[in-house]
Amino acid sequence: MNASLPTADRGARQLSSAKLGSAVPAARRKRHSSIVRVTHWATTVAFLALLVSGGEIVLSHPRFYWGETGNVNMRPWLNLHLPSSRDTVPTGYGYVLPDQNGWSRYLHFQAAWLAVGTGLFYVLFGFFAGHFRRNLFPAASDLSIKELGGSLVRHLRFERPGKEEAWSYNVLQRLTYLLVIFGLFPLMIWTGLAMSFGFTSEFPLAVRLLGGQQTARSLHFLVTIFLVLFLLIHVLMVFVAGFRNRMRAMITGCATPPTE
C-alpha cells in the first residue's frame, strides 16, 4: 500500500509534465518564417530611407504637373506651398532651404535598389514556397459581401483579433497586402524608372504609357501617399492586435495565442 503511493505520485507528475510539454509548443507556435521576417524589416528600412530622401528631393520643386513637361511658368495641379531648395522656384517664402539633393538622391537610389531586390526575392519565395497560396490569397468564400463587410466593421471598431486570426490574416488584410505587393509597389517602381532619363532613353514606352515624365512624377507622389497611409494604418492595427505579441512574432517568428 505504501509502495503504491510514490508510483501514483510519479504517474501524476509524468502526466502533468506531458500536458505542460504539449502546451509549450502551442504557446510558442511559429507565426512568421525567417524569410518573411527578414524581407519585412529590410523593406521597412528601405521604405523609410526612400521616404526621407524623397521628401528632400521634392523640396527642390514642390509642385506637380501632368504630361511631359512642367516648370514654374506652368500651372501645377498641386502646389505643396513649401519652401524650396532652389531659388528659381517661387514659393512665397523669403528664404531658400539648403540644397540637399546630393545625398538625398544618392540615398534614394540605393534604398530603391534594396527595396526592389528585397521585393523580387519575397515574390519569388511567395510563389515557389506557397506563402501566397497559404497565407495571402483569400478563399472564394471569404470574398462574399458578408465576410468583407464583417471584416471592415471589425476593423472600424478596432476590435482585437480573436483566436481564429492568431495564426492567419483576415480577408481584409489579405486583400490589402496583395494590393500593396502586386499593385502599389510595382507602380512605384515603374513611375520611378519612368523619371530616369537614362532608363527612358532605352525604354521610351515605359514613360509614354504613363503619359509623360511629369505624370510619372505625380503618380509617384500619389502612390507614396497611399503607402504612407497603409503604413500608419498597419502600425495602428498592430497596437490594436497587441503590440508586444505582434512585434515578438515579427522578430522571433513566434507568437502567443490570445486567451479570449
Protein backbone atom coordinates (compact mmCIF):
# COMPACT_ATOMS: atom_id res chain seq x y z
CA MET A 1 0.00 0.00 0.00
CA ASN A 2 2.73 2.43 0.97
CA ALA A 3 4.82 1.48 -2.06
CA SER A 4 1.97 2.30 -4.42
CA LEU A 5 1.75 5.95 -3.37
CA PRO A 6 5.09 7.07 -4.83
CA THR A 7 4.20 5.23 -8.04
CA ALA A 8 0.90 7.06 -8.27
CA ASP A 9 2.62 10.34 -7.50
CA ARG A 10 5.20 9.72 -10.21
CA GLY A 11 2.46 8.87 -12.67
CA ALA A 12 0.59 12.05 -11.82
CA ARG A 13 3.77 14.10 -12.17
CA GLN A 14 4.58 12.46 -15.51
CA LEU A 15 1.06 13.12 -16.79
CA SER A 16 1.27 16.73 -15.63
CA SER A 17 4.67 17.13 -17.30
CA ALA A 18 3.33 15.65 -20.51
CA LYS A 19 0.46 18.13 -20.51
CA LEU A 20 2.81 21.02 -19.88
CA GLY A 21 5.17 19.80 -22.57
CA SER A 22 2.37 19.58 -25.10
CA ALA A 23 1.20 23.07 -24.17
CA VAL A 24 4.58 24.73 -24.68
CA PRO A 25 4.81 24.17 -28.44
CA ALA A 26 1.29 25.53 -28.86
CA ALA A 27 2.18 28.65 -26.92
CA ARG A 28 5.33 29.12 -28.99
CA ARG A 29 3.81 28.29 -32.35
CA LYS A 30 5.56 29.72 -35.39
CA ARG A 31 3.82 32.78 -36.84
CA HIS A 32 6.24 34.06 -39.49
CA SER A 33 9.05 32.32 -41.35
CA SER A 34 12.57 33.74 -41.27
CA ILE A 35 12.35 34.88 -44.89
CA VAL A 36 9.13 36.79 -44.23
CA ARG A 37 10.69 38.48 -41.20
CA VAL A 38 13.94 39.44 -42.94
CA THR A 39 12.20 40.82 -46.03
CA HIS A 40 9.68 42.66 -43.83
CA TRP A 41 12.35 44.58 -41.92
CA ALA A 42 14.55 45.14 -44.98
CA THR A 43 11.57 46.63 -46.80
CA THR A 44 10.75 48.77 -43.77
CA VAL A 45 14.27 50.22 -43.65
CA ALA A 46 14.30 50.80 -47.42
CA PHE A 47 10.88 52.48 -47.39
CA LEU A 48 11.78 54.84 -44.54
CA ALA A 49 15.02 55.79 -46.34
CA LEU A 50 13.04 56.37 -49.54
CA LEU A 51 10.52 58.49 -47.66
CA VAL A 52 13.12 60.75 -46.04
CA SER A 53 15.26 61.14 -49.17
CA GLY A 54 12.20 61.54 -51.40
CA GLY A 55 10.95 64.35 -49.19
CA GLU A 56 14.24 66.16 -49.65
CA ILE A 57 14.04 65.68 -53.42
CA VAL A 58 10.50 67.08 -53.56
CA LEU A 59 11.68 70.26 -51.84
CA SER A 60 13.77 71.10 -54.91
CA HIS A 61 10.48 71.68 -56.77
CA PRO A 62 7.38 71.22 -54.57
CA ARG A 63 4.96 71.42 -57.49
CA PHE A 64 3.37 68.68 -59.57
CA TYR A 65 2.19 68.65 -63.17
CA TRP A 66 0.58 66.33 -65.71
CA GLY A 67 2.09 65.49 -69.06
CA GLU A 68 5.66 65.50 -70.29
CA THR A 69 6.97 68.85 -69.06
CA GLY A 70 6.49 71.12 -66.06
CA ASN A 71 8.11 74.36 -64.93
CA VAL A 72 7.46 77.49 -62.90
CA ASN A 73 5.71 79.13 -65.86
CA MET A 74 3.05 76.41 -65.92
CA ARG A 75 0.12 75.99 -63.59
CA PRO A 76 0.58 72.90 -61.39
CA TRP A 77 -2.28 70.64 -60.40
CA LEU A 78 -0.76 70.51 -56.91
CA ASN A 79 1.34 73.11 -55.13
CA LEU A 80 2.56 71.99 -51.71
CA HIS A 81 3.28 75.59 -50.60
CA LEU A 82 6.57 74.57 -49.04
CA PRO A 83 9.88 76.44 -49.07
CA SER A 84 12.13 75.18 -51.83
CA SER A 85 15.82 74.36 -52.00
CA ARG A 86 16.02 76.12 -55.39
CA ASP A 87 15.91 79.91 -55.66
CA THR A 88 14.32 79.64 -59.13
CA VAL A 89 11.09 78.22 -57.68
CA PRO A 90 8.70 80.96 -56.46
CA THR A 91 7.19 79.68 -53.22
CA GLY A 92 6.20 82.91 -51.48
CA TYR A 93 8.79 82.39 -48.77
CA GLY A 94 11.56 84.90 -48.24
CA TYR A 95 14.29 82.28 -47.95
CA VAL A 96 15.66 79.20 -49.70
CA LEU A 97 16.37 75.92 -47.94
CA PRO A 98 19.86 74.38 -48.13
CA ASP A 99 20.24 72.20 -51.20
CA GLN A 100 20.28 68.57 -50.04
CA ASN A 101 19.86 66.94 -53.45
CA GLY A 102 23.30 65.33 -53.40
CA TRP A 103 22.96 62.88 -50.52
CA SER A 104 19.18 62.58 -50.86
CA ARG A 105 19.32 61.38 -54.47
CA TYR A 106 22.18 59.01 -53.71
CA LEU A 107 20.32 57.53 -50.72
CA HIS A 108 17.08 57.37 -52.71
CA PHE A 109 18.63 55.30 -55.48
CA GLN A 110 20.46 52.99 -53.09
CA ALA A 111 17.33 52.42 -50.98
CA ALA A 112 15.31 51.85 -54.15
CA TRP A 113 17.63 49.04 -55.25
CA LEU A 114 17.36 47.49 -51.78
CA ALA A 115 13.56 47.65 -51.98
CA VAL A 116 13.49 46.18 -55.50
CA GLY A 117 15.89 43.36 -54.64
CA THR A 118 14.04 42.50 -51.44
CA GLY A 119 10.70 42.66 -53.19
CA LEU A 120 11.77 40.34 -56.01
CA PHE A 121 13.18 37.85 -53.52
CA TYR A 122 9.97 37.95 -51.46
CA VAL A 123 7.74 37.48 -54.53
CA LEU A 124 9.78 34.50 -55.76
CA PHE A 125 9.68 32.97 -52.29
CA GLY A 126 5.96 33.65 -52.01
CA PHE A 127 5.16 31.78 -55.22
CA PHE A 128 7.59 28.88 -55.06
CA ALA A 129 7.27 28.21 -51.31
CA GLY A 130 3.49 28.55 -51.34
CA HIS A 131 3.47 31.53 -48.97
CA PHE A 132 0.97 33.48 -51.09
CA ARG A 133 -1.28 30.48 -51.59
CA ARG A 134 -1.36 29.58 -47.89
CA ASN A 135 -1.35 32.99 -46.25
CA LEU A 136 -2.43 35.74 -48.66
CA PHE A 137 -4.71 34.50 -51.43
CA PRO A 138 -8.24 34.54 -49.94
CA ALA A 139 -10.66 31.69 -50.44
CA ALA A 140 -13.65 32.29 -52.68
CA SER A 141 -15.98 32.02 -49.68
CA ASP A 142 -14.12 34.88 -47.97
CA LEU A 143 -14.88 37.27 -50.81
CA SER A 144 -18.60 37.44 -50.12
CA ILE A 145 -20.20 40.76 -49.21
CA LYS A 146 -20.98 39.40 -45.74
CA GLU A 147 -17.36 38.41 -45.00
CA LEU A 148 -15.88 41.60 -46.44
CA GLY A 149 -18.41 43.79 -44.64
CA GLY A 150 -17.90 41.98 -41.35
CA SER A 151 -14.13 42.31 -41.57
CA LEU A 152 -14.42 46.01 -42.40
CA VAL A 153 -16.77 46.64 -39.46
CA ARG A 154 -14.43 44.84 -37.05
CA HIS A 155 -11.53 46.98 -38.25
CA LEU A 156 -13.50 50.20 -37.94
CA ARG A 157 -14.46 49.24 -34.39
CA PHE A 158 -10.79 48.47 -33.61
CA GLU A 159 -11.76 45.03 -32.35
CA ARG A 160 -8.92 42.86 -31.09
CA PRO A 161 -8.41 39.79 -33.31
CA GLY A 162 -9.71 36.53 -31.89
CA LYS A 163 -8.17 33.07 -31.81
CA GLU A 164 -9.11 32.33 -35.40
CA GLU A 165 -6.92 35.21 -36.57
CA ALA A 166 -3.97 34.43 -34.30
CA TRP A 167 -2.14 32.42 -36.96
CA SER A 168 -3.57 33.84 -40.17
CA TYR A 169 -4.67 37.08 -41.84
CA ASN A 170 -8.30 38.07 -42.20
CA VAL A 171 -9.73 38.71 -45.65
CA LEU A 172 -9.30 42.48 -45.49
CA GLN A 173 -5.64 42.10 -44.53
CA ARG A 174 -5.08 39.62 -47.35
CA LEU A 175 -6.60 41.90 -49.98
CA THR A 176 -4.71 44.93 -48.68
CA TYR A 177 -1.35 43.13 -48.67
CA LEU A 178 -1.99 41.81 -52.19
CA LEU A 179 -2.82 45.33 -53.38
CA VAL A 180 0.40 46.70 -51.87
CA ILE A 181 2.61 43.84 -53.10
CA PHE A 182 1.23 43.49 -56.64
CA GLY A 183 -0.23 46.94 -57.20
CA LEU A 184 1.31 49.86 -55.36
CA PHE A 185 4.91 48.68 -55.14
CA PRO A 186 5.17 47.75 -58.86
CA LEU A 187 3.58 51.09 -59.78
CA MET A 188 6.06 52.87 -57.52
CA ILE A 189 8.98 51.13 -59.26
CA TRP A 190 7.55 51.80 -62.72
CA THR A 191 6.96 55.51 -62.12
CA GLY A 192 10.38 55.85 -60.52
CA LEU A 193 12.10 54.33 -63.53
CA ALA A 194 9.98 56.48 -65.86
CA MET A 195 11.51 59.60 -64.30
CA SER A 196 15.02 58.43 -65.19
CA PHE A 197 16.25 59.87 -68.49
CA GLY A 198 18.78 57.08 -68.80
CA PHE A 199 16.11 54.41 -68.47
CA THR A 200 13.54 56.08 -70.72
CA SER A 201 16.14 56.65 -73.44
CA GLU A 202 16.40 52.85 -73.71
CA PHE A 203 12.75 52.10 -72.94
CA PRO A 204 10.71 55.14 -74.08
CA LEU A 205 7.47 53.17 -74.00
CA ALA A 206 7.71 52.99 -70.20
CA VAL A 207 7.09 56.73 -69.86
CA ARG A 208 4.78 57.07 -72.89
CA LEU A 209 2.34 54.59 -71.37
CA LEU A 210 2.12 56.79 -68.28
CA GLY A 211 1.59 59.98 -70.27
CA GLY A 212 4.92 61.71 -69.71
CA GLN A 213 7.59 62.21 -67.08
CA GLN A 214 5.65 64.80 -65.11
CA THR A 215 2.70 62.42 -64.94
CA ALA A 216 5.08 59.73 -63.72
CA ARG A 217 6.34 62.11 -61.02
CA SER A 218 2.79 62.95 -59.94
CA LEU A 219 1.77 59.28 -59.83
CA HIS A 220 4.94 58.51 -57.89
CA PHE A 221 3.94 61.10 -55.29
CA LEU A 222 0.33 59.83 -55.07
CA VAL A 223 1.44 56.21 -54.62
CA THR A 224 3.76 57.39 -51.86
CA ILE A 225 0.80 58.94 -50.04
CA PHE A 226 -1.15 55.66 -50.27
CA LEU A 227 1.83 53.68 -48.97
CA VAL A 228 2.29 56.08 -46.06
CA LEU A 229 -1.41 55.71 -45.19
CA PHE A 230 -1.02 51.94 -45.37
CA LEU A 231 1.99 52.11 -43.05
CA LEU A 232 0.16 54.27 -40.49
CA ILE A 233 -2.92 52.01 -40.51
CA HIS A 234 -0.71 48.93 -40.35
CA VAL A 235 1.11 50.23 -37.26
CA LEU A 236 -2.19 51.25 -35.67
CA MET A 237 -3.66 47.78 -36.16
CA VAL A 238 -0.52 46.23 -34.69
CA PHE A 239 -1.20 48.18 -31.50
CA VAL A 240 -4.86 47.13 -31.56
CA ALA A 241 -3.97 43.46 -32.03
CA GLY A 242 -1.33 43.55 -29.29
CA PHE A 243 1.92 45.37 -29.95
CA ARG A 244 4.28 43.19 -27.91
CA ASN A 245 2.92 39.92 -29.24
CA ARG A 246 2.91 41.05 -32.88
CA MET A 247 6.38 42.55 -32.64
CA ARG A 248 7.67 39.37 -30.99
CA ALA A 249 6.18 37.37 -33.85
CA MET A 250 7.86 39.55 -36.49
CA ILE A 251 11.22 39.47 -34.68
CA THR A 252 11.44 35.91 -33.34
CA GLY A 253 8.81 34.27 -35.51
CA CYS A 254 6.78 33.00 -32.55
CA ALA A 255 3.62 34.43 -31.05
CA THR A 256 1.38 33.67 -28.10
CA PRO A 257 -2.25 32.90 -28.99
CA PRO A 258 -4.90 35.20 -27.49
CA THR A 259 -6.59 33.99 -24.34
CA GLU A 260 -10.03 35.10 -25.44
